[in-house]
N, C-alpha and C. Protein backbone atom coordinates (compact mmCIF):
# COMPACT_ATOMS: atom_id res chain seq x y z
N MET A 1 -10.42 2.75 -20.72
CA MET A 1 -11.04 3.81 -19.47
C MET A 1 -11.36 5.07 -19.78
N THR A 2 -12.14 5.62 -19.39
CA THR A 2 -12.42 7.21 -20.05
C THR A 2 -11.69 8.21 -18.59
N GLY A 3 -11.62 7.42 -17.61
CA GLY A 3 -11.57 8.49 -16.32
C GLY A 3 -10.08 8.50 -16.42
N ARG A 4 -9.31 8.68 -14.85
CA ARG A 4 -7.94 8.90 -14.85
C ARG A 4 -7.25 7.61 -14.26
N LEU A 5 -6.04 7.65 -13.98
CA LEU A 5 -5.57 6.38 -13.76
C LEU A 5 -4.87 7.04 -12.28
N LEU A 6 -4.89 6.73 -10.92
CA LEU A 6 -4.54 7.29 -9.58
C LEU A 6 -4.05 6.31 -9.17
N ALA A 7 -2.92 6.26 -8.48
CA ALA A 7 -2.15 5.60 -7.37
C ALA A 7 -1.86 6.15 -5.95
N ILE A 8 -2.09 6.00 -5.01
CA ILE A 8 -1.72 6.21 -3.55
C ILE A 8 -0.85 5.42 -2.89
N GLY A 9 0.17 6.17 -2.22
CA GLY A 9 1.31 5.70 -1.67
C GLY A 9 1.10 5.02 -0.10
N ASP A 10 1.96 4.76 0.70
CA ASP A 10 1.67 3.96 1.89
C ASP A 10 0.58 4.98 2.78
N ILE A 11 -0.05 4.44 3.56
CA ILE A 11 -0.67 5.17 4.28
C ILE A 11 -0.48 5.16 6.04
N HIS A 12 -0.49 3.91 6.21
CA HIS A 12 0.00 3.46 7.50
C HIS A 12 -0.90 4.09 8.71
N GLY A 13 -1.96 4.09 8.48
CA GLY A 13 -2.44 4.32 9.43
C GLY A 13 -3.03 5.95 9.67
N CYS A 14 -2.93 6.48 8.75
CA CYS A 14 -2.97 8.16 8.76
C CYS A 14 -4.66 8.55 8.04
N ASN A 15 -5.54 8.03 8.83
CA ASN A 15 -6.84 8.19 8.25
C ASN A 15 -7.27 9.45 7.80
N HIS A 16 -6.73 10.29 8.70
CA HIS A 16 -7.27 11.98 8.44
C HIS A 16 -6.62 12.25 7.10
N LYS A 17 -5.29 11.61 6.96
CA LYS A 17 -4.61 12.45 5.55
C LYS A 17 -5.43 11.76 4.56
N LEU A 18 -5.89 10.64 4.57
CA LEU A 18 -6.36 9.85 3.59
C LEU A 18 -7.52 10.60 3.02
N GLN A 19 -8.08 10.80 4.23
CA GLN A 19 -9.88 11.38 4.01
C GLN A 19 -9.46 12.61 3.07
N ARG A 20 -8.60 13.34 3.66
CA ARG A 20 -8.27 14.94 3.19
C ARG A 20 -7.73 14.86 1.24
N LEU A 21 -6.99 13.69 1.16
CA LEU A 21 -6.34 13.23 -0.33
C LEU A 21 -7.37 12.80 -1.17
N LEU A 22 -8.37 11.84 -0.71
CA LEU A 22 -9.62 11.66 -1.24
C LEU A 22 -10.59 12.64 -1.63
N ALA A 23 -10.61 13.49 -0.89
CA ALA A 23 -11.68 15.16 -0.82
C ALA A 23 -10.66 15.59 -1.95
N ARG A 24 -9.43 16.06 -2.20
CA ARG A 24 -8.54 16.89 -2.80
C ARG A 24 -8.77 16.24 -4.33
N ILE A 25 -8.69 15.06 -4.33
CA ILE A 25 -8.41 14.00 -5.67
C ILE A 25 -9.95 14.06 -6.70
N ASP A 26 -11.12 14.41 -5.72
CA ASP A 26 -12.12 14.58 -6.15
C ASP A 26 -12.63 13.11 -7.43
N LEU A 27 -12.37 12.26 -6.47
CA LEU A 27 -12.74 10.96 -7.61
C LEU A 27 -13.87 10.48 -8.15
N ASP A 28 -13.99 10.34 -9.27
CA ASP A 28 -14.74 9.85 -9.74
C ASP A 28 -15.33 8.42 -9.89
N PRO A 29 -15.75 7.61 -9.13
CA PRO A 29 -15.73 6.20 -9.08
C PRO A 29 -16.55 5.53 -9.79
N ASN A 30 -17.09 6.14 -10.91
CA ASN A 30 -17.75 5.29 -12.12
C ASN A 30 -16.71 5.37 -13.40
N ALA A 31 -15.89 6.21 -13.49
CA ALA A 31 -15.01 6.70 -14.19
C ALA A 31 -13.11 6.24 -14.11
N ASP A 32 -12.62 6.85 -12.84
CA ASP A 32 -11.57 6.69 -12.40
C ASP A 32 -10.89 5.16 -11.87
N LYS A 33 -9.81 5.06 -12.12
CA LYS A 33 -9.26 3.80 -11.59
C LYS A 33 -8.23 4.40 -10.45
N LEU A 34 -8.33 3.61 -9.24
CA LEU A 34 -7.57 3.99 -7.95
C LEU A 34 -6.75 2.69 -7.94
N VAL A 35 -5.42 2.67 -7.36
CA VAL A 35 -4.53 1.73 -6.97
C VAL A 35 -3.96 2.39 -5.51
N PHE A 36 -4.25 1.71 -4.81
CA PHE A 36 -3.84 1.96 -3.37
C PHE A 36 -2.21 0.69 -3.29
N ILE A 37 -0.99 1.21 -3.21
CA ILE A 37 0.38 0.46 -3.41
C ILE A 37 0.18 -0.33 -2.09
N GLY A 38 -0.40 -0.34 -1.04
CA GLY A 38 -0.24 -1.17 0.08
C GLY A 38 0.34 -0.34 1.68
N ASP A 39 0.51 -1.45 2.35
CA ASP A 39 0.60 -0.65 3.86
C ASP A 39 -0.24 0.39 4.25
N PHE A 40 -1.17 -0.19 4.64
CA PHE A 40 -2.62 0.37 4.90
C PHE A 40 -2.38 0.29 6.56
N ILE A 41 -2.01 -0.50 7.08
CA ILE A 41 -1.75 -0.77 8.48
C ILE A 41 -0.27 -0.10 9.54
N ASP A 42 -0.44 -0.59 10.72
CA ASP A 42 0.73 -0.40 11.30
C ASP A 42 1.38 0.98 11.33
N ARG A 43 2.16 1.55 12.71
CA ARG A 43 2.52 2.87 12.90
C ARG A 43 1.65 4.18 13.25
N GLY A 44 0.83 4.01 12.58
CA GLY A 44 -0.37 5.45 12.37
C GLY A 44 -1.21 5.26 13.43
N PRO A 45 -2.06 6.27 13.66
CA PRO A 45 -3.06 6.50 14.70
C PRO A 45 -4.62 5.60 14.98
N ASP A 46 -5.04 5.34 13.30
CA ASP A 46 -6.07 5.18 13.07
C ASP A 46 -6.10 3.81 11.76
N VAL A 47 -5.70 2.99 12.21
CA VAL A 47 -5.63 1.49 11.27
C VAL A 47 -7.12 1.24 11.10
N ARG A 48 -7.69 1.07 12.03
CA ARG A 48 -9.07 0.74 11.53
C ARG A 48 -9.74 1.50 10.98
N GLY A 49 -9.78 2.92 11.23
CA GLY A 49 -10.47 3.94 10.28
C GLY A 49 -9.75 3.76 8.61
N VAL A 50 -8.67 3.65 8.71
CA VAL A 50 -8.40 3.29 7.25
C VAL A 50 -8.82 2.39 6.65
N ILE A 51 -8.52 0.94 7.40
CA ILE A 51 -9.67 -0.08 6.38
C ILE A 51 -10.88 0.02 6.29
N GLU A 52 -11.87 0.54 7.39
CA GLU A 52 -12.95 1.10 7.08
C GLU A 52 -13.32 1.97 5.60
N THR A 53 -12.42 2.84 5.90
CA THR A 53 -12.66 3.77 4.60
C THR A 53 -12.16 3.05 3.43
N ILE A 54 -11.06 2.52 3.36
CA ILE A 54 -10.97 1.52 2.13
C ILE A 54 -12.06 0.40 1.56
N ILE A 55 -12.70 -0.26 2.77
CA ILE A 55 -13.63 -1.05 2.41
C ILE A 55 -15.02 -0.22 1.78
N ASP A 56 -15.19 0.67 2.82
CA ASP A 56 -16.38 1.47 2.34
C ASP A 56 -16.26 2.00 0.75
N LEU A 57 -14.72 2.62 0.41
CA LEU A 57 -14.97 3.03 -0.83
C LEU A 57 -14.83 1.92 -1.99
N LYS A 58 -14.62 0.82 -1.81
CA LYS A 58 -14.70 -0.13 -2.98
C LYS A 58 -16.06 -0.56 -3.25
N GLU A 59 -17.14 -0.26 -1.98
CA GLU A 59 -18.63 -0.38 -2.36
C GLU A 59 -18.79 0.62 -3.61
N THR A 60 -18.29 1.63 -3.64
CA THR A 60 -18.64 2.85 -4.75
C THR A 60 -17.59 2.85 -5.83
N CYS A 61 -16.95 2.67 -5.79
CA CYS A 61 -15.44 2.68 -6.59
C CYS A 61 -15.32 1.38 -7.14
N LYS A 62 -16.02 1.24 -8.50
CA LYS A 62 -15.71 -0.01 -9.02
C LYS A 62 -14.25 -0.72 -9.75
N ASN A 63 -13.59 0.58 -10.28
CA ASN A 63 -12.31 0.54 -10.80
C ASN A 63 -11.19 0.59 -9.41
N MET A 64 -11.18 -0.05 -8.61
CA MET A 64 -10.20 0.05 -7.02
C MET A 64 -9.05 -1.24 -7.05
N ILE A 65 -8.04 -0.76 -7.22
CA ILE A 65 -7.41 -2.06 -6.80
C ILE A 65 -6.54 -1.64 -5.63
N CYS A 66 -6.48 -2.80 -4.61
CA CYS A 66 -5.65 -2.37 -3.46
C CYS A 66 -4.57 -3.43 -3.38
N LEU A 67 -3.58 -3.58 -3.26
CA LEU A 67 -2.34 -4.22 -3.43
C LEU A 67 -1.89 -4.46 -1.76
N ARG A 68 -1.24 -5.76 -1.40
CA ARG A 68 -0.35 -6.35 -0.40
C ARG A 68 0.89 -4.97 -0.23
N GLY A 69 1.18 -5.15 1.11
CA GLY A 69 2.52 -4.52 0.96
C GLY A 69 3.04 -5.23 2.37
N ASN A 70 4.09 -5.00 2.95
CA ASN A 70 5.00 -6.21 3.63
C ASN A 70 4.36 -5.96 5.18
N HIS A 71 3.81 -4.74 5.42
CA HIS A 71 2.87 -4.86 6.80
C HIS A 71 1.64 -5.91 6.62
N GLU A 72 1.01 -5.78 5.82
CA GLU A 72 -0.01 -6.59 5.56
C GLU A 72 0.47 -8.00 5.90
N ASP A 73 1.60 -8.32 4.82
CA ASP A 73 2.08 -9.56 4.89
C ASP A 73 2.54 -10.11 6.19
N MET A 74 3.47 -9.08 7.16
CA MET A 74 3.72 -9.62 8.50
C MET A 74 2.71 -9.76 9.17
N PHE A 75 1.39 -9.09 8.81
CA PHE A 75 0.18 -9.23 9.72
C PHE A 75 -0.46 -10.55 9.56
N LEU A 76 -0.72 -10.90 8.55
CA LEU A 76 -1.30 -12.17 8.10
C LEU A 76 -0.24 -13.16 8.85
N ASN A 77 1.08 -13.32 8.75
CA ASN A 77 1.86 -14.22 9.07
C ASN A 77 1.66 -14.53 10.56
N TYR A 78 1.53 -13.42 11.22
CA TYR A 78 1.73 -12.92 12.57
C TYR A 78 0.18 -13.47 12.98
N TYR A 79 -0.97 -12.71 12.70
CA TYR A 79 -2.48 -12.70 13.32
C TYR A 79 -3.03 -14.22 13.01
N ARG A 80 -2.76 -14.82 11.64
CA ARG A 80 -3.01 -16.03 11.32
C ARG A 80 -2.31 -17.56 11.34
N GLU A 81 -1.24 -17.30 11.26
CA GLU A 81 -0.35 -18.24 11.81
C GLU A 81 0.82 -18.52 12.80
N GLY A 82 0.85 -17.28 13.41
CA GLY A 82 1.54 -17.31 14.89
C GLY A 82 3.01 -17.27 14.40
N ARG A 83 3.38 -16.50 13.39
CA ARG A 83 4.67 -16.53 13.10
C ARG A 83 5.49 -15.16 13.18
N ASP A 84 6.38 -15.26 13.47
CA ASP A 84 7.63 -13.56 13.42
C ASP A 84 6.91 -12.66 14.28
N GLU A 85 6.51 -12.99 15.28
CA GLU A 85 5.86 -12.05 16.56
C GLU A 85 6.82 -10.86 16.49
N GLU A 86 8.10 -11.48 16.87
CA GLU A 86 9.13 -10.10 17.03
C GLU A 86 9.26 -9.33 15.92
N LEU A 87 9.15 -9.56 14.73
CA LEU A 87 8.77 -8.81 13.52
C LEU A 87 8.00 -7.97 13.76
N PHE A 88 6.82 -8.59 13.96
CA PHE A 88 5.64 -7.96 13.68
C PHE A 88 5.26 -6.73 14.64
N PHE A 89 5.85 -6.78 15.81
CA PHE A 89 5.90 -5.93 17.05
C PHE A 89 6.84 -4.75 16.73
N ALA A 90 8.13 -5.17 15.87
CA ALA A 90 9.04 -4.31 15.94
C ALA A 90 8.75 -3.20 14.45
N ASN A 91 7.97 -3.42 13.95
CA ASN A 91 7.32 -2.89 12.87
C ASN A 91 5.86 -1.97 13.28
N GLY A 92 5.72 -1.95 14.16
CA GLY A 92 4.39 -0.91 14.64
C GLY A 92 3.01 -1.74 14.75
N GLY A 93 3.64 -3.20 14.58
CA GLY A 93 1.82 -4.10 15.13
C GLY A 93 1.32 -3.98 16.07
N GLY A 94 1.81 -3.45 17.26
CA GLY A 94 1.19 -3.20 18.34
C GLY A 94 0.09 -2.47 18.56
N ILE A 95 0.47 -1.26 17.56
CA ILE A 95 -0.18 -0.29 17.45
C ILE A 95 -1.67 -0.56 16.42
N THR A 96 -1.36 -1.24 15.46
CA THR A 96 -2.22 -2.12 14.95
C THR A 96 -3.40 -2.42 16.12
N LEU A 97 -2.85 -3.72 16.58
CA LEU A 97 -3.89 -4.13 17.78
C LEU A 97 -4.47 -3.44 18.65
N SER A 98 -3.99 -2.06 19.03
CA SER A 98 -4.61 -1.11 19.87
C SER A 98 -5.64 -0.29 19.05
N SER A 99 -5.35 -0.23 17.72
CA SER A 99 -6.43 0.28 17.06
C SER A 99 -7.70 -0.30 16.97
N TYR A 100 -7.44 -1.90 17.03
CA TYR A 100 -8.80 -2.60 17.36
C TYR A 100 -9.14 -2.91 18.69
N GLY A 101 -8.40 -2.60 19.57
CA GLY A 101 -8.69 -2.64 21.19
C GLY A 101 -8.45 -4.38 21.49
N LEU A 102 -7.58 -4.95 20.51
CA LEU A 102 -7.20 -6.19 20.78
C LEU A 102 -5.88 -5.85 21.85
N THR A 103 -5.66 -7.14 22.61
CA THR A 103 -4.73 -7.71 23.66
C THR A 103 -3.66 -8.46 22.94
N LEU A 104 -2.60 -8.60 23.40
CA LEU A 104 -1.48 -9.55 22.95
C LEU A 104 -2.41 -11.26 23.07
N ALA A 105 -2.76 -11.34 23.88
CA ALA A 105 -3.40 -12.46 24.00
C ALA A 105 -4.57 -12.84 23.02
N ASP A 106 -5.44 -11.72 22.79
CA ASP A 106 -6.42 -11.88 21.63
C ASP A 106 -5.73 -12.30 20.38
N ALA A 107 -4.69 -11.47 20.08
CA ALA A 107 -3.64 -12.08 19.04
C ALA A 107 -3.21 -13.38 18.82
N ARG A 108 -2.69 -13.41 20.16
CA ARG A 108 -2.18 -14.84 19.82
C ARG A 108 -2.99 -15.84 19.73
N ALA A 109 -4.34 -15.74 19.94
CA ALA A 109 -5.22 -16.87 20.09
C ALA A 109 -5.92 -16.54 18.65
N GLY A 110 -5.99 -15.42 17.64
CA GLY A 110 -6.41 -15.21 16.64
C GLY A 110 -7.67 -14.88 16.53
N ARG A 111 -8.06 -13.91 17.36
CA ARG A 111 -9.62 -13.84 17.86
C ARG A 111 -9.56 -12.40 17.98
N GLY A 112 -10.75 -11.54 17.67
CA GLY A 112 -11.32 -10.26 18.01
C GLY A 112 -11.07 -9.65 16.40
N PHE A 113 -10.28 -9.81 15.84
CA PHE A 113 -9.95 -9.13 14.53
C PHE A 113 -11.16 -8.94 13.42
N PRO A 114 -11.85 -7.85 13.25
CA PRO A 114 -13.36 -8.22 12.43
C PRO A 114 -13.08 -9.14 11.23
N GLU A 115 -14.07 -9.97 10.81
CA GLU A 115 -13.82 -10.94 9.75
C GLU A 115 -14.09 -10.09 8.36
N ASN A 116 -14.40 -8.76 8.24
CA ASN A 116 -14.50 -8.50 7.00
C ASN A 116 -13.24 -7.68 6.87
N HIS A 117 -12.37 -7.29 7.92
CA HIS A 117 -11.24 -6.54 7.53
C HIS A 117 -10.02 -7.56 7.43
N LEU A 118 -10.22 -8.59 8.21
CA LEU A 118 -9.42 -9.99 7.65
C LEU A 118 -9.66 -10.60 6.37
N ARG A 119 -10.64 -10.55 5.91
CA ARG A 119 -10.81 -11.21 4.22
C ARG A 119 -10.45 -9.97 3.50
N PHE A 120 -10.34 -8.71 3.90
CA PHE A 120 -10.08 -7.91 2.69
C PHE A 120 -8.18 -7.95 2.78
N ILE A 121 -7.49 -8.11 4.14
CA ILE A 121 -6.32 -7.97 3.84
C ILE A 121 -5.45 -9.57 3.50
N ALA A 122 -6.64 -10.30 3.43
CA ALA A 122 -6.08 -11.76 2.77
C ALA A 122 -6.15 -11.67 1.41
N SER A 123 -7.06 -10.61 0.95
CA SER A 123 -7.43 -10.73 -0.80
C SER A 123 -6.53 -10.01 -1.02
N LEU A 124 -5.37 -9.28 -0.78
CA LEU A 124 -5.07 -8.46 -1.65
C LEU A 124 -3.82 -9.06 -2.42
N PRO A 125 -4.09 -8.83 -3.52
CA PRO A 125 -2.57 -9.27 -4.71
C PRO A 125 -1.40 -8.35 -4.47
N LEU A 126 -0.20 -9.32 -4.93
CA LEU A 126 0.86 -8.76 -4.78
C LEU A 126 1.08 -7.58 -5.84
N SER A 127 0.76 -7.74 -6.90
CA SER A 127 0.95 -6.57 -8.18
C SER A 127 -0.37 -6.53 -9.07
N TYR A 128 -0.28 -5.70 -9.86
CA TYR A 128 -1.14 -5.27 -10.87
C TYR A 128 -0.92 -4.14 -11.71
N GLU A 129 -0.76 -4.83 -13.28
CA GLU A 129 -0.41 -4.10 -14.25
C GLU A 129 -1.29 -3.63 -15.35
N THR A 130 -0.93 -2.45 -15.81
CA THR A 130 -1.63 -1.99 -16.77
C THR A 130 -0.84 -1.88 -18.30
N GLU A 131 -1.13 -1.74 -19.69
CA GLU A 131 -0.35 -1.64 -20.72
C GLU A 131 0.88 -0.77 -20.60
N ALA A 132 0.82 0.13 -19.71
CA ALA A 132 2.16 0.95 -19.84
C ALA A 132 2.69 1.22 -18.32
N TYR A 133 2.38 0.54 -17.19
CA TYR A 133 2.58 0.53 -15.87
C TYR A 133 2.42 -0.83 -14.83
N PHE A 134 3.22 -1.01 -14.34
CA PHE A 134 3.38 -2.29 -13.36
C PHE A 134 3.49 -1.85 -11.73
N PHE A 135 2.43 -2.11 -11.19
CA PHE A 135 2.38 -1.47 -9.67
C PHE A 135 2.43 -2.38 -8.47
N VAL A 136 3.55 -2.16 -7.71
CA VAL A 136 3.80 -3.39 -6.75
C VAL A 136 4.17 -2.36 -5.61
N HIS A 137 4.17 -3.09 -4.52
CA HIS A 137 4.49 -2.71 -3.12
C HIS A 137 5.96 -2.20 -3.00
N ALA A 138 6.86 -2.56 -3.23
CA ALA A 138 8.49 -2.41 -2.91
C ALA A 138 9.32 -2.06 -4.37
N GLY A 139 9.12 -3.39 -5.24
CA GLY A 139 9.74 -2.85 -6.38
C GLY A 139 10.04 -3.98 -6.85
N LEU A 140 10.84 -4.37 -8.09
CA LEU A 140 11.22 -5.25 -8.85
C LEU A 140 13.02 -5.51 -9.00
N ARG A 141 13.36 -6.86 -8.72
CA ARG A 141 14.74 -7.29 -8.75
C ARG A 141 15.11 -6.98 -10.33
N PRO A 142 15.97 -6.32 -10.64
CA PRO A 142 16.72 -5.82 -12.06
C PRO A 142 17.21 -7.21 -12.48
N GLY A 143 16.79 -7.27 -13.86
CA GLY A 143 17.73 -8.36 -14.51
C GLY A 143 16.68 -9.83 -14.59
N ILE A 144 15.87 -9.85 -13.60
CA ILE A 144 14.86 -10.86 -13.37
C ILE A 144 13.30 -10.70 -14.11
N PRO A 145 12.65 -11.44 -15.27
CA PRO A 145 11.30 -11.72 -15.57
C PRO A 145 10.29 -11.49 -14.48
N VAL A 146 9.49 -10.37 -14.68
CA VAL A 146 8.32 -10.06 -13.91
C VAL A 146 7.61 -11.35 -13.20
N ALA A 147 7.44 -12.21 -14.27
CA ALA A 147 7.05 -13.56 -13.55
C ALA A 147 7.90 -14.46 -12.91
N ARG A 148 9.04 -14.11 -12.66
CA ARG A 148 9.79 -14.85 -11.87
C ARG A 148 10.10 -14.34 -10.69
N GLN A 149 9.84 -13.04 -10.31
CA GLN A 149 10.14 -12.18 -9.26
C GLN A 149 9.75 -12.56 -8.02
N SER A 150 10.48 -12.82 -7.09
CA SER A 150 10.26 -13.30 -5.68
C SER A 150 9.02 -12.48 -4.76
N THR A 151 8.02 -13.04 -4.15
CA THR A 151 7.12 -12.57 -3.08
C THR A 151 8.10 -11.22 -2.21
N GLU A 152 9.47 -11.99 -1.66
CA GLU A 152 10.13 -11.33 -0.99
C GLU A 152 10.21 -9.86 -1.26
N ASP A 153 10.92 -9.78 -2.95
CA ASP A 153 11.32 -8.90 -3.25
C ASP A 153 10.06 -7.92 -3.42
N LEU A 154 9.01 -8.23 -4.13
CA LEU A 154 7.91 -7.45 -4.64
C LEU A 154 7.51 -6.87 -3.18
N LEU A 155 7.69 -7.51 -1.98
CA LEU A 155 7.05 -6.93 -0.77
C LEU A 155 8.38 -5.96 0.01
N TRP A 156 9.73 -6.51 -0.31
CA TRP A 156 10.62 -5.72 1.02
C TRP A 156 11.94 -5.36 0.05
N ILE A 157 12.01 -5.22 -1.49
CA ILE A 157 13.31 -4.90 -2.20
C ILE A 157 13.52 -3.28 -1.64
N ARG A 158 14.62 -2.91 -1.65
CA ARG A 158 14.86 -1.49 -1.48
C ARG A 158 15.57 -0.83 -2.46
N HIS A 159 17.10 -0.41 -2.10
CA HIS A 159 18.00 -0.07 -3.19
C HIS A 159 18.46 -0.95 -4.35
N GLU A 160 18.37 -1.93 -4.55
CA GLU A 160 18.99 -2.53 -5.55
C GLU A 160 17.76 -2.15 -6.82
N PHE A 161 16.73 -2.33 -6.27
CA PHE A 161 15.54 -1.65 -7.45
C PHE A 161 15.86 -0.41 -7.61
N ILE A 162 15.78 0.70 -6.42
CA ILE A 162 15.72 2.27 -6.47
C ILE A 162 16.79 2.61 -7.21
N ASP A 163 18.09 2.08 -7.14
CA ASP A 163 19.11 2.69 -7.46
C ASP A 163 19.52 2.36 -8.96
N SER A 164 18.58 1.23 -9.37
CA SER A 164 19.00 0.79 -10.76
C SER A 164 18.15 1.53 -12.00
N GLU A 165 18.78 1.43 -13.08
CA GLU A 165 18.25 2.24 -14.11
C GLU A 165 17.87 1.02 -15.34
N TYR A 166 17.40 0.04 -14.80
CA TYR A 166 17.16 -1.18 -15.68
C TYR A 166 15.86 -0.99 -16.06
N ASP A 167 15.67 -1.22 -17.33
CA ASP A 167 14.25 -0.95 -18.22
C ASP A 167 13.55 -2.10 -18.09
N PHE A 168 12.53 -2.09 -17.19
CA PHE A 168 11.53 -3.23 -16.89
C PHE A 168 10.39 -3.30 -17.82
N SER A 169 10.50 -2.52 -18.79
CA SER A 169 9.51 -2.39 -20.32
C SER A 169 8.18 -1.82 -19.87
N LYS A 170 7.70 -1.90 -18.58
CA LYS A 170 7.13 -0.77 -18.01
C LYS A 170 7.31 0.17 -17.04
N THR A 171 6.49 1.42 -16.83
CA THR A 171 6.98 2.23 -15.29
C THR A 171 6.55 1.43 -14.26
N VAL A 172 7.57 1.34 -13.35
CA VAL A 172 7.31 0.73 -11.89
C VAL A 172 6.81 1.70 -11.03
N VAL A 173 5.35 1.46 -10.56
CA VAL A 173 5.15 2.50 -9.61
C VAL A 173 4.82 1.74 -8.31
N PHE A 174 5.61 2.44 -7.24
CA PHE A 174 6.05 1.62 -5.92
C PHE A 174 6.06 2.67 -4.53
N GLY A 175 5.99 1.83 -3.81
CA GLY A 175 6.14 2.63 -2.53
C GLY A 175 7.04 2.04 -1.38
N HIS A 176 6.64 1.86 -0.25
CA HIS A 176 7.94 1.06 0.68
C HIS A 176 8.84 1.98 1.32
N THR A 177 9.75 2.57 0.40
CA THR A 177 10.79 3.14 0.95
C THR A 177 10.33 4.68 1.02
N ALA A 178 10.54 5.17 2.27
CA ALA A 178 9.77 6.80 2.43
C ALA A 178 11.06 7.95 1.84
N LEU A 179 10.36 8.54 1.03
CA LEU A 179 11.18 9.68 0.26
C LEU A 179 10.53 11.13 0.69
N HIS A 180 11.34 11.78 0.54
CA HIS A 180 10.79 13.48 0.85
C HIS A 180 10.16 13.68 -0.17
N GLU A 181 10.17 13.23 -1.09
CA GLU A 181 9.14 13.81 -2.46
C GLU A 181 9.13 12.77 -3.48
N PRO A 182 8.19 12.47 -4.27
CA PRO A 182 7.89 11.47 -4.94
C PRO A 182 9.07 11.46 -5.98
N LEU A 183 9.89 10.15 -6.05
CA LEU A 183 10.48 10.14 -7.19
C LEU A 183 9.82 9.66 -8.23
N LEU A 184 10.34 10.47 -9.51
CA LEU A 184 9.97 10.67 -10.86
C LEU A 184 11.05 10.42 -12.03
N GLU A 185 11.12 9.21 -12.16
CA GLU A 185 12.10 8.56 -13.15
C GLU A 185 11.37 8.01 -14.64
N LYS A 186 12.24 7.48 -15.30
CA LYS A 186 11.47 7.03 -16.60
C LYS A 186 11.21 5.57 -16.35
N ASN A 187 11.89 4.85 -15.50
CA ASN A 187 11.73 3.33 -15.40
C ASN A 187 10.85 3.20 -13.63
N LYS A 188 10.79 4.27 -13.28
CA LYS A 188 10.16 3.84 -12.10
C LYS A 188 9.67 5.28 -11.56
N ILE A 189 8.39 5.11 -10.31
CA ILE A 189 7.94 6.16 -9.94
C ILE A 189 7.69 5.77 -8.59
N GLY A 190 8.14 6.61 -7.49
CA GLY A 190 7.83 6.24 -5.92
C GLY A 190 7.33 7.25 -5.48
N ILE A 191 6.30 6.58 -4.68
CA ILE A 191 5.30 7.52 -3.85
C ILE A 191 4.75 7.52 -2.46
N ASP A 192 5.87 6.68 -2.02
CA ASP A 192 5.95 6.55 -0.51
C ASP A 192 6.48 8.05 0.23
N THR A 193 5.76 9.16 0.47
CA THR A 193 6.33 10.32 1.01
C THR A 193 6.50 10.26 2.74
N GLY A 194 6.34 8.96 3.14
CA GLY A 194 6.23 9.20 4.75
C GLY A 194 5.30 9.86 5.54
N ALA A 195 4.02 9.66 4.74
CA ALA A 195 3.06 10.02 5.68
C ALA A 195 2.85 9.86 7.22
N VAL A 196 3.26 8.86 7.90
CA VAL A 196 3.44 8.41 8.66
C VAL A 196 4.43 8.98 9.88
N TYR A 197 5.48 9.72 9.20
CA TYR A 197 6.41 10.19 9.93
C TYR A 197 6.06 11.60 9.43
N GLY A 198 5.37 12.20 9.33
CA GLY A 198 4.99 13.86 9.29
C GLY A 198 5.33 14.33 7.64
N GLY A 199 5.31 13.34 7.12
CA GLY A 199 5.21 13.73 5.51
C GLY A 199 3.92 13.93 4.76
N CYS A 200 3.90 14.14 3.45
CA CYS A 200 2.92 14.15 2.82
C CYS A 200 1.93 12.50 2.39
N LEU A 201 0.74 12.30 2.18
CA LEU A 201 0.48 11.07 1.62
C LEU A 201 0.19 11.72 0.23
N THR A 202 0.79 10.75 -0.42
CA THR A 202 0.58 11.18 -1.99
C THR A 202 -0.01 10.68 -3.04
N CYS A 203 -0.77 10.88 -3.97
CA CYS A 203 -1.50 10.31 -5.19
C CYS A 203 -0.68 10.93 -6.15
N ILE A 204 -0.36 9.93 -7.18
CA ILE A 204 -0.08 10.35 -8.90
C ILE A 204 -0.95 9.80 -9.91
N GLU A 205 -1.19 11.00 -10.47
CA GLU A 205 -2.20 10.91 -11.77
C GLU A 205 -1.06 10.47 -13.10
N LEU A 206 -1.93 9.62 -13.46
CA LEU A 206 -0.84 8.92 -14.73
C LEU A 206 -1.73 9.05 -15.98
N PRO A 207 -1.53 9.38 -17.11
CA PRO A 207 0.13 9.55 -17.69
C PRO A 207 0.49 10.88 -17.44
N SER A 208 0.02 11.60 -16.47
CA SER A 208 0.30 13.13 -16.55
C SER A 208 1.71 13.11 -15.63
N ARG A 209 1.61 12.59 -14.88
CA ARG A 209 2.24 12.43 -13.53
C ARG A 209 2.12 13.74 -12.67
N LYS A 210 0.87 14.04 -12.49
CA LYS A 210 0.38 15.23 -11.50
C LYS A 210 0.53 14.63 -10.08
N ILE A 211 0.78 15.55 -9.37
CA ILE A 211 1.21 15.15 -7.93
C ILE A 211 -0.39 15.77 -7.17
N HIS A 212 -0.96 14.72 -6.19
CA HIS A 212 -1.90 15.47 -5.24
C HIS A 212 -1.28 15.10 -3.93
N GLN A 213 -1.48 16.00 -3.00
CA GLN A 213 -0.93 15.39 -1.80
C GLN A 213 -1.70 16.27 -0.26
N ALA A 214 -1.65 15.32 0.69
CA ALA A 214 -2.37 15.99 1.76
C ALA A 214 -1.62 15.64 3.10
C-alpha cells in the first residue's frame, strides 16, 4: 500500500461531522486505506445521511473497510429477527427509525428500510487486521487468542480490555467506549471521542498516530 492507513471512530448519525472530517483528511481514494470502526447509526440526527455518505464513498474508495458495531448488531437483531426491541430503543434505535421516516409498525413488520442500506449493514464484518494492527469495534478479551474471541466481546467489551496491558501481538484499534480524547497506548488505540455527545469525530493516521478531528 502506497497511501495512508486511516481509521475513523464511532459516528452515530453525525453526518455533518463526518463530512467535515472527510474534507480535512483529504482522502486519496486510489491510495489510502480507510477503516470505519462501526456504530454508524442511532442517537445522532442524520443516520440516513451517514449511511448514504458511506455507501457513496465505497463507490470511489477501493480500499475501504467498514466494521460492525454493537448498534448495527442490535438493529439487525431487531429489524430482521424481531428480537430485543427494548434494548434497541433504549440505545437510540428510535432515532434511526425516525431518520428513515419509519414507524414502530413498519419496524415490527420489517418494512420500509432501504434494501441497499440493509444489505450494507448486514455485510459488515466484525474485525479487520493488517500486519501491525487489529481493528475491532469494542476490543478483545485479554488472555484469549483472537480466533477464539466471542462476538459479544468484539462488540461490547469495555474496561476488561481498556484497563489491560495485555500484549495482543498487534496494536488494537477500537471505538465503542466514548473518551474525552484519543487513547494512545502501546497495545491499543481508542478513537471514539463521543461525536454524538458533543465531542469530536476522530480519525487516526497510522503508523504516525497523527490525529485528525472534526
